Amino acid sequence: MGESGFFANSSDAMPALYEKMLKTSVEGPERIKDIGYVLKMVTDKDIIPDEFRELYETFCNTLKIRR
């Protein structure tokens, strides 16, 4: 995991984010697509690291969410 921003020194961040995204997909599925929109708009890796982008891709593929 990268050593930038929120992800610095945090080995538990990804599972916690994935769990939060699962909960959000049930309570407000449109918000998951909003994440995809933000990822397309913000391309700076210092703002949104590749690890989160990979997590989002895995999440959408697993739940068969169209982006």
Protein backbone atom coordinates (compact mmCIF):
# COMPACT_ATOMS: atom_id res chain seq x y z
CA MET A 1 0.00 0.00 0.00
CA GLY A 2 1.28 3.45 -0.80
CA GLU A 3 2.72 5.80 1.76
CA SER A 4 0.63 8.80 0.80
CA GLY A 5 -2.17 10.70 2.48
CA PHE A 6 -4.86 8.62 4.15
CA PHE A 7 -3.14 5.37 3.24
CA ALA A 8 0.17 6.12 4.99
CA ASN A 9 1.02 3.50 7.61
CA SER A 10 -2.48 2.07 7.60
CA SER A 11 -2.72 -1.65 6.88
CA ASP A 12 -6.41 -1.75 7.83
CA ALA A 13 -7.57 1.02 5.50
CA MET A 14 -8.51 -1.07 2.46
CA PRO A 15 -10.74 -3.65 4.20
CA ALA A 16 -12.47 -0.84 6.10
CA LEU A 17 -13.05 1.14 2.90
CA TYR A 18 -14.32 -1.96 1.11
CA GLU A 19 -16.76 -2.63 3.96
CA LYS A 20 -17.97 0.98 3.88
CA MET A 21 -18.45 0.75 0.11
CA LEU A 22 -20.51 -2.44 0.51
CA LYS A 23 -22.77 -0.72 3.02
CA THR A 24 -23.10 2.30 0.74
CA SER A 25 -23.96 0.11 -2.25
CA VAL A 26 -26.98 -1.16 -0.35
CA GLU A 27 -28.10 2.15 1.17
CA GLY A 28 -27.36 4.44 -1.78
CA PRO A 29 -26.10 2.61 -4.86
CA GLU A 30 -25.94 5.79 -6.94
CA ARG A 31 -23.18 7.04 -4.63
CA ILE A 32 -20.89 4.23 -5.81
CA LYS A 33 -21.18 5.50 -9.36
CA ASP A 34 -20.38 8.98 -8.05
CA ILE A 35 -17.04 7.61 -6.84
CA GLY A 36 -16.31 6.49 -10.40
CA TYR A 37 -17.10 9.98 -11.67
CA VAL A 38 -14.69 11.53 -9.17
CA LEU A 39 -11.99 9.02 -10.10
CA LYS A 40 -12.32 10.04 -13.75
CA MET A 41 -12.08 13.73 -12.90
CA VAL A 42 -9.19 13.53 -10.43
CA THR A 43 -6.20 11.95 -12.10
CA ASP A 44 -3.50 13.12 -9.67
CA LYS A 45 -2.05 10.05 -7.92
CA ASP A 46 -1.11 12.19 -4.93
CA ILE A 47 -4.80 12.91 -4.33
CA ILE A 48 -6.29 9.48 -5.12
CA PRO A 49 -3.68 6.72 -4.98
CA ASP A 50 -3.63 3.77 -7.36
CA GLU A 51 -4.43 1.44 -4.46
CA PHE A 52 -7.85 3.03 -4.08
CA ARG A 53 -8.48 2.92 -7.82
CA GLU A 54 -7.67 -0.80 -7.78
CA LEU A 55 -9.97 -1.31 -4.81
CA TYR A 56 -12.79 0.47 -6.64
CA GLU A 57 -12.24 -1.61 -9.79
CA THR A 58 -12.30 -4.83 -7.76
CA PHE A 59 -15.41 -3.70 -5.93
CA CYS A 60 -17.31 -2.84 -9.11
CA ASN A 61 -16.23 -6.04 -10.85
CA THR A 62 -17.24 -8.17 -7.86
CA LEU A 63 -20.70 -6.62 -7.60
CA LYS A 64 -21.06 -6.26 -11.38
CA ILE A 65 -21.59 -2.51 -11.12
CA ARG A 66 -21.42 -0.68 -14.44
CA ARG A 67 -19.32 2.43 -14.39
